[in-house]
Amino acid sequence: MEEANEKTKKCPYCGEEILATAKKCKHCGEWIEGGPPPSPKTVTEAEYDDEEDDEADGCSWGWLKNVLFYGIIALIAWFTLPSDSKHRDKLQADVRECVKERAHDYVNRQDVLTSILGNALLNEKNIADAVVDGLIRQRLDIRIKNYKVISFGIITDKETGDSSPASVAAFGFVLPFTDLIMEDF
């Protein structure tokens, strides 16, 4: 009987016999010693502890993951960067369209005869492109600045020397924003 007493004890809450090593009463459900056990670690805490262990070992993988991620993005950007000539051609075509729109607006504000003749010239594709390209070459300088993974198209007004970025190219795309800057020229 004494051996059974050593293996059991009475619950201080309900008085029922429980194992001597029990931390919670199986009859009333109360915690016997020191309250409930610590809750299991959440995923975030477990990851944080793993990072501390890695740092304690002198090896943190977080920086390596970042380097690999941004390195892959940079390689994709570098290999898909449009050539300077493609970028320049796209920018020049966008500038041409802006100049044509402004020319149409100007011609439409003139008297009827000028408007009819002007629109006829502007609507004739070869004449219009030649005239517009001549105006662009005369007044504007289009340059491309290449920075390995991104490039910028820059338009400079030859008369004033004012420069403005007019496009950006990356990941195989050329995104002109000449509508915004052509108002200045």
C-alpha atoms as a PDB file:
ATOM      1  CA  MET A   1       0.000   0.000   0.000  1.00  0.00           C
ATOM      2  CA  GLU A   2       2.844   2.333   0.807  1.00  0.00           C
ATOM      3  CA  GLU A   3       4.261   1.698  -2.629  1.00  0.00           C
ATOM      4  CA  ALA A   4       0.959   2.813  -4.151  1.00  0.00           C
ATOM      5  CA  ASN A   5       1.026   5.990  -1.971  1.00  0.00           C
ATOM      6  CA  GLU A   6       4.463   6.858  -3.259  1.00  0.00           C
ATOM      7  CA  LYS A   7       3.184   6.604  -6.821  1.00  0.00           C
ATOM      8  CA  THR A   8       0.016   8.602  -6.141  1.00  0.00           C
ATOM      9  CA  LYS A   9      -1.101  11.699  -4.320  1.00  0.00           C
ATOM     10  CA  LYS A  10      -4.324  13.546  -3.620  1.00  0.00           C
ATOM     11  CA  CYS A  11      -5.419  16.417  -5.876  1.00  0.00           C
ATOM     12  CA  PRO A  12      -5.406  19.626  -3.782  1.00  0.00           C
ATOM     13  CA  TYR A  13      -8.598  20.797  -5.581  1.00  0.00           C
ATOM     14  CA  CYS A  14     -10.875  17.765  -5.683  1.00  0.00           C
ATOM     15  CA  GLY A  15      -9.127  15.307  -3.320  1.00  0.00           C
ATOM     16  CA  GLU A  16      -9.109  12.440  -5.817  1.00  0.00           C
ATOM     17  CA  GLU A  17      -6.085  10.160  -6.127  1.00  0.00           C
ATOM     18  CA  ILE A  18      -3.775  11.070  -9.049  1.00  0.00           C
ATOM     19  CA  LEU A  19      -0.265  10.028 -10.038  1.00  0.00           C
ATOM     20  CA  ALA A  20       2.480  11.646  -8.006  1.00  0.00           C
ATOM     21  CA  THR A  21       4.088  12.945 -11.221  1.00  0.00           C
ATOM     22  CA  ALA A  22       0.808  14.356 -12.608  1.00  0.00           C
ATOM     23  CA  LYS A  23       0.800  18.023 -13.530  1.00  0.00           C
ATOM     24  CA  LYS A  24      -2.950  18.152 -14.176  1.00  0.00           C
ATOM     25  CA  CYS A  25      -5.774  16.352 -12.371  1.00  0.00           C
ATOM     26  CA  LYS A  26      -7.549  13.842 -14.575  1.00  0.00           C
ATOM     27  CA  HIS A  27     -10.717  14.231 -12.504  1.00  0.00           C
ATOM     28  CA  CYS A  28     -11.234  17.977 -12.180  1.00  0.00           C
ATOM     29  CA  GLY A  29      -8.860  19.230 -14.902  1.00  0.00           C
ATOM     30  CA  GLU A  30      -6.971  21.658 -12.623  1.00  0.00           C
ATOM     31  CA  TRP A  31      -3.237  22.218 -13.008  1.00  0.00           C
ATOM     32  CA  ILE A  32      -1.375  20.880 -10.001  1.00  0.00           C
ATOM     33  CA  GLU A  33       2.041  22.535 -10.151  1.00  0.00           C
ATOM     34  CA  GLY A  34       3.169  25.803 -11.746  1.00  0.00           C
ATOM     35  CA  GLY A  35       0.253  26.327 -14.083  1.00  0.00           C
ATOM     36  CA  PRO A  36      -0.060  25.131 -17.677  1.00  0.00           C
ATOM     37  CA  PRO A  37       3.003  24.052 -19.632  1.00  0.00           C
ATOM     38  CA  PRO A  38       4.451  26.598 -22.050  1.00  0.00           C
ATOM     39  CA  SER A  39       2.481  26.856 -25.255  1.00  0.00           C
ATOM     40  CA  PRO A  40       4.057  25.348 -28.350  1.00  0.00           C
ATOM     41  CA  LYS A  41       6.107  27.814 -30.370  1.00  0.00           C
ATOM     42  CA  THR A  42       4.411  29.523 -33.225  1.00  0.00           C
ATOM     43  CA  VAL A  43       5.928  29.285 -36.699  1.00  0.00           C
ATOM     44  CA  THR A  44       7.314  32.804 -36.406  1.00  0.00           C
ATOM     45  CA  GLU A  45       8.970  32.096 -33.072  1.00  0.00           C
ATOM     46  CA  ALA A  46      10.401  28.843 -34.373  1.00  0.00           C
ATOM     47  CA  GLU A  47      11.804  30.584 -37.461  1.00  0.00           C
ATOM     48  CA  TYR A  48      13.231  33.336 -35.271  1.00  0.00           C
ATOM     49  CA  ASP A  49      14.926  30.752 -33.053  1.00  0.00           C
ATOM     50  CA  ASP A  50      16.338  29.011 -36.155  1.00  0.00           C
ATOM     51  CA  GLU A  51      17.758  32.330 -37.378  1.00  0.00           C
ATOM     52  CA  GLU A  52      19.325  32.910 -33.967  1.00  0.00           C
ATOM     53  CA  ASP A  53      20.862  29.443 -34.143  1.00  0.00           C
ATOM     54  CA  ASP A  54      22.209  30.174 -37.644  1.00  0.00           C
ATOM     55  CA  GLU A  55      23.637  33.491 -36.502  1.00  0.00           C
ATOM     56  CA  ALA A  56      25.154  31.818 -33.465  1.00  0.00           C
ATOM     57  CA  ASP A  57      26.840  29.397 -35.875  1.00  0.00           C
ATOM     58  CA  GLY A  58      28.136  32.387 -37.846  1.00  0.00           C
ATOM     59  CA  CYS A  59      25.949  31.559 -40.854  1.00  0.00           C
ATOM     60  CA  SER A  60      22.867  33.564 -41.776  1.00  0.00           C
ATOM     61  CA  TRP A  61      21.032  32.388 -44.897  1.00  0.00           C
ATOM     62  CA  GLY A  62      18.767  35.441 -45.074  1.00  0.00           C
ATOM     63  CA  TRP A  63      21.353  37.592 -46.857  1.00  0.00           C
ATOM     64  CA  LEU A  64      22.131  34.787 -49.285  1.00  0.00           C
ATOM     65  CA  LYS A  65      18.452  34.459 -50.206  1.00  0.00           C
ATOM     66  CA  ASN A  66      18.277  38.215 -50.851  1.00  0.00           C
ATOM     67  CA  VAL A  67      21.432  38.198 -52.956  1.00  0.00           C
ATOM     68  CA  LEU A  68      20.143  35.286 -55.043  1.00  0.00           C
ATOM     69  CA  PHE A  69      16.693  36.846 -55.519  1.00  0.00           C
ATOM     70  CA  TYR A  70      17.975  40.273 -56.553  1.00  0.00           C
ATOM     71  CA  GLY A  71      20.753  38.715 -58.601  1.00  0.00           C
ATOM     72  CA  ILE A  72      18.245  36.696 -60.635  1.00  0.00           C
ATOM     73  CA  ILE A  73      16.082  39.798 -61.163  1.00  0.00           C
ATOM     74  CA  ALA A  74      19.162  41.759 -62.321  1.00  0.00           C
ATOM     75  CA  LEU A  75      20.160  38.995 -64.760  1.00  0.00           C
ATOM     76  CA  ILE A  76      16.667  38.860 -66.233  1.00  0.00           C
ATOM     77  CA  ALA A  77      16.643  42.661 -66.577  1.00  0.00           C
ATOM     78  CA  TRP A  78      20.101  42.651 -68.175  1.00  0.00           C
ATOM     79  CA  PHE A  79      19.272  39.947 -70.729  1.00  0.00           C
ATOM     80  CA  THR A  80      15.910  41.459 -71.643  1.00  0.00           C
ATOM     81  CA  LEU A  81      17.017  45.104 -71.896  1.00  0.00           C
ATOM     82  CA  PRO A  82      16.032  46.422 -75.328  1.00  0.00           C
ATOM     83  CA  SER A  83      18.913  47.527 -77.539  1.00  0.00           C
ATOM     84  CA  ASP A  84      19.700  51.240 -77.721  1.00  0.00           C
ATOM     85  CA  SER A  85      18.538  51.364 -81.339  1.00  0.00           C
ATOM     86  CA  LYS A  86      15.180  49.720 -80.491  1.00  0.00           C
ATOM     87  CA  HIS A  87      14.771  52.114 -77.584  1.00  0.00           C
ATOM     88  CA  ARG A  88      15.661  55.137 -79.743  1.00  0.00           C
ATOM     89  CA  ASP A  89      13.300  53.997 -82.547  1.00  0.00           C
ATOM     90  CA  LYS A  90      10.398  53.554 -80.114  1.00  0.00           C
ATOM     91  CA  LEU A  91      11.062  56.932 -78.518  1.00  0.00           C
ATOM     92  CA  GLN A  92      11.377  58.668 -81.892  1.00  0.00           C
ATOM     93  CA  ALA A  93       8.119  57.091 -83.090  1.00  0.00           C
ATOM     94  CA  ASP A  94       6.390  58.329 -79.937  1.00  0.00           C
ATOM     95  CA  VAL A  95       7.857  61.824 -80.385  1.00  0.00           C
ATOM     96  CA  ARG A  96       6.715  61.763 -84.034  1.00  0.00           C
ATOM     97  CA  GLU A  97       3.143  60.973 -82.941  1.00  0.00           C
ATOM     98  CA  CYS A  98       3.202  63.787 -80.370  1.00  0.00           C
ATOM     99  CA  VAL A  99       4.496  66.275 -82.951  1.00  0.00           C
ATOM    100  CA  LYS A 100       1.835  65.134 -85.454  1.00  0.00           C
ATOM    101  CA  GLU A 101      -0.914  65.623 -82.882  1.00  0.00           C
ATOM    102  CA  ARG A 102       0.352  69.096 -82.062  1.00  0.00           C
ATOM    103  CA  ALA A 103       0.624  69.932 -85.776  1.00  0.00           C
ATOM    104  CA  HIS A 104      -2.967  68.734 -86.383  1.00  0.00           C
ATOM    105  CA  ASP A 105      -4.159  70.833 -83.452  1.00  0.00           C
ATOM    106  CA  TYR A 106      -2.298  73.862 -84.811  1.00  0.00           C
ATOM    107  CA  VAL A 107      -3.572  73.390 -88.397  1.00  0.00           C
ATOM    108  CA  ASN A 108      -7.151  72.903 -87.199  1.00  0.00           C
ATOM    109  CA  ARG A 109      -7.031  76.268 -85.419  1.00  0.00           C
ATOM    110  CA  GLN A 110      -6.123  78.068 -88.690  1.00  0.00           C
ATOM    111  CA  ASP A 111      -8.511  79.324 -91.358  1.00  0.00           C
ATOM    112  CA  VAL A 112     -10.433  76.827 -93.494  1.00  0.00           C
ATOM    113  CA  LEU A 113      -8.091  76.844 -96.538  1.00  0.00           C
ATOM    114  CA  THR A 114      -4.943  76.407 -94.429  1.00  0.00           C
ATOM    115  CA  SER A 115      -6.707  73.753 -92.410  1.00  0.00           C
ATOM    116  CA  ILE A 116      -7.687  71.759 -95.517  1.00  0.00           C
ATOM    117  CA  LEU A 117      -4.196  71.994 -97.074  1.00  0.00           C
ATOM    118  CA  GLY A 118      -2.425  71.344 -93.774  1.00  0.00           C
ATOM    119  CA  ASN A 119      -4.503  68.287 -92.960  1.00  0.00           C
ATOM    120  CA  ALA A 120      -3.986  66.934 -96.487  1.00  0.00           C
ATOM    121  CA  LEU A 121      -0.207  67.237 -96.057  1.00  0.00           C
ATOM    122  CA  LEU A 122      -0.230  65.818 -92.546  1.00  0.00           C
ATOM    123  CA  ASN A 123      -2.434  62.887 -93.536  1.00  0.00           C
ATOM    124  CA  GLU A 124      -0.183  61.914 -96.452  1.00  0.00           C
ATOM    125  CA  LYS A 125       2.020  59.355 -94.623  1.00  0.00           C
ATOM    126  CA  ASN A 126       5.324  59.843 -96.464  1.00  0.00           C
ATOM    127  CA  ILE A 127       5.148  63.645 -96.524  1.00  0.00           C
ATOM    128  CA  ALA A 128       4.004  63.875 -92.921  1.00  0.00           C
ATOM    129  CA  ASP A 129       6.715  61.538 -91.610  1.00  0.00           C
ATOM    130  CA  ALA A 130       9.417  63.321 -93.608  1.00  0.00           C
ATOM    131  CA  VAL A 131       8.280  66.755 -92.435  1.00  0.00           C
ATOM    132  CA  VAL A 132       7.912  65.667 -88.819  1.00  0.00           C
ATOM    133  CA  ASP A 133      11.245  63.800 -88.784  1.00  0.00           C
ATOM    134  CA  GLY A 134      12.907  66.922 -90.216  1.00  0.00           C
ATOM    135  CA  LEU A 135      11.403  69.049 -87.462  1.00  0.00           C
ATOM    136  CA  ILE A 136      12.488  66.563 -84.818  1.00  0.00           C
ATOM    137  CA  ARG A 137      16.090  66.402 -86.119  1.00  0.00           C
ATOM    138  CA  GLN A 138      16.215  70.190 -86.397  1.00  0.00           C
ATOM    139  CA  ARG A 139      14.932  70.915 -82.907  1.00  0.00           C
ATOM    140  CA  LEU A 140      15.486  67.855 -80.712  1.00  0.00           C
ATOM    141  CA  ASP A 141      18.353  65.572 -79.789  1.00  0.00           C
ATOM    142  CA  ILE A 142      17.347  62.076 -78.665  1.00  0.00           C
ATOM    143  CA  ARG A 143      19.907  60.135 -76.603  1.00  0.00           C
ATOM    144  CA  ILE A 144      19.797  56.837 -74.764  1.00  0.00           C
ATOM    145  CA  LYS A 145      21.584  56.402 -71.413  1.00  0.00           C
ATOM    146  CA  ASN A 146      22.189  52.726 -70.702  1.00  0.00           C
ATOM    147  CA  TYR A 147      22.739  51.532 -67.122  1.00  0.00           C
ATOM    148  CA  LYS A 148      23.174  47.759 -67.691  1.00  0.00           C
ATOM    149  CA  VAL A 149      19.700  46.674 -66.445  1.00  0.00           C
ATOM    150  CA  ILE A 150      17.697  49.802 -67.290  1.00  0.00           C
ATOM    151  CA  SER A 151      18.015  52.564 -69.857  1.00  0.00           C
ATOM    152  CA  PHE A 152      16.549  56.023 -70.161  1.00  0.00           C
ATOM    153  CA  GLY A 153      15.681  58.007 -73.264  1.00  0.00           C
ATOM    154  CA  ILE A 154      16.546  61.688 -72.927  1.00  0.00           C
ATOM    155  CA  ILE A 155      15.283  64.461 -75.183  1.00  0.00           C
ATOM    156  CA  THR A 156      17.264  67.696 -75.386  1.00  0.00           C
ATOM    157  CA  ASP A 157      15.962  70.904 -76.968  1.00  0.00           C
ATOM    158  CA  LYS A 158      18.820  72.086 -79.217  1.00  0.00           C
ATOM    159  CA  GLU A 159      17.738  75.733 -78.951  1.00  0.00           C
ATOM    160  CA  THR A 160      17.525  76.002 -75.162  1.00  0.00           C
ATOM    161  CA  GLY A 161      19.682  73.083 -74.051  1.00  0.00           C
ATOM    162  CA  ASP A 162      16.895  71.847 -71.747  1.00  0.00           C
ATOM    163  CA  SER A 163      16.898  68.075 -71.231  1.00  0.00           C
ATOM    164  CA  SER A 164      14.164  65.816 -69.961  1.00  0.00           C
ATOM    165  CA  PRO A 165      13.887  62.060 -69.502  1.00  0.00           C
ATOM    166  CA  ALA A 166      11.346  60.862 -72.030  1.00  0.00           C
ATOM    167  CA  SER A 167      11.283  57.076 -71.680  1.00  0.00           C
ATOM    168  CA  VAL A 168      12.473  54.154 -69.635  1.00  0.00           C
ATOM    169  CA  ALA A 169      13.296  50.671 -70.867  1.00  0.00           C
ATOM    170  CA  ALA A 170      13.598  47.479 -68.845  1.00  0.00           C
ATOM    171  CA  PHE A 171      12.497  43.838 -68.985  1.00  0.00           C
ATOM    172  CA  GLY A 172      11.991  44.014 -72.748  1.00  0.00           C
ATOM    173  CA  PHE A 173       9.681  47.022 -72.673  1.00  0.00           C
ATOM    174  CA  VAL A 174      10.131  50.645 -73.681  1.00  0.00           C
ATOM    175  CA  LEU A 175       7.766  52.940 -71.808  1.00  0.00           C
ATOM    176  CA  PRO A 176       7.736  56.414 -73.351  1.00  0.00           C
ATOM    177  CA  PHE A 177       6.214  59.319 -71.488  1.00  0.00           C
ATOM    178  CA  THR A 178       6.766  61.983 -74.122  1.00  0.00           C
ATOM    179  CA  ASP A 179       3.217  63.352 -73.792  1.00  0.00           C
ATOM    180  CA  LEU A 180       4.268  64.818 -70.471  1.00  0.00           C
ATOM    181  CA  ILE A 181       7.455  66.485 -71.670  1.00  0.00           C
ATOM    182  CA  MET A 182       6.566  67.487 -75.219  1.00  0.00           C
ATOM    183  CA  GLU A 183       4.543  70.369 -73.810  1.00  0.00           C
ATOM    184  CA  ASP A 184       7.859  72.003 -72.855  1.00  0.00           C
ATOM    185  CA  PHE A 185       9.314  71.811 -76.365  1.00  0.00           C
END
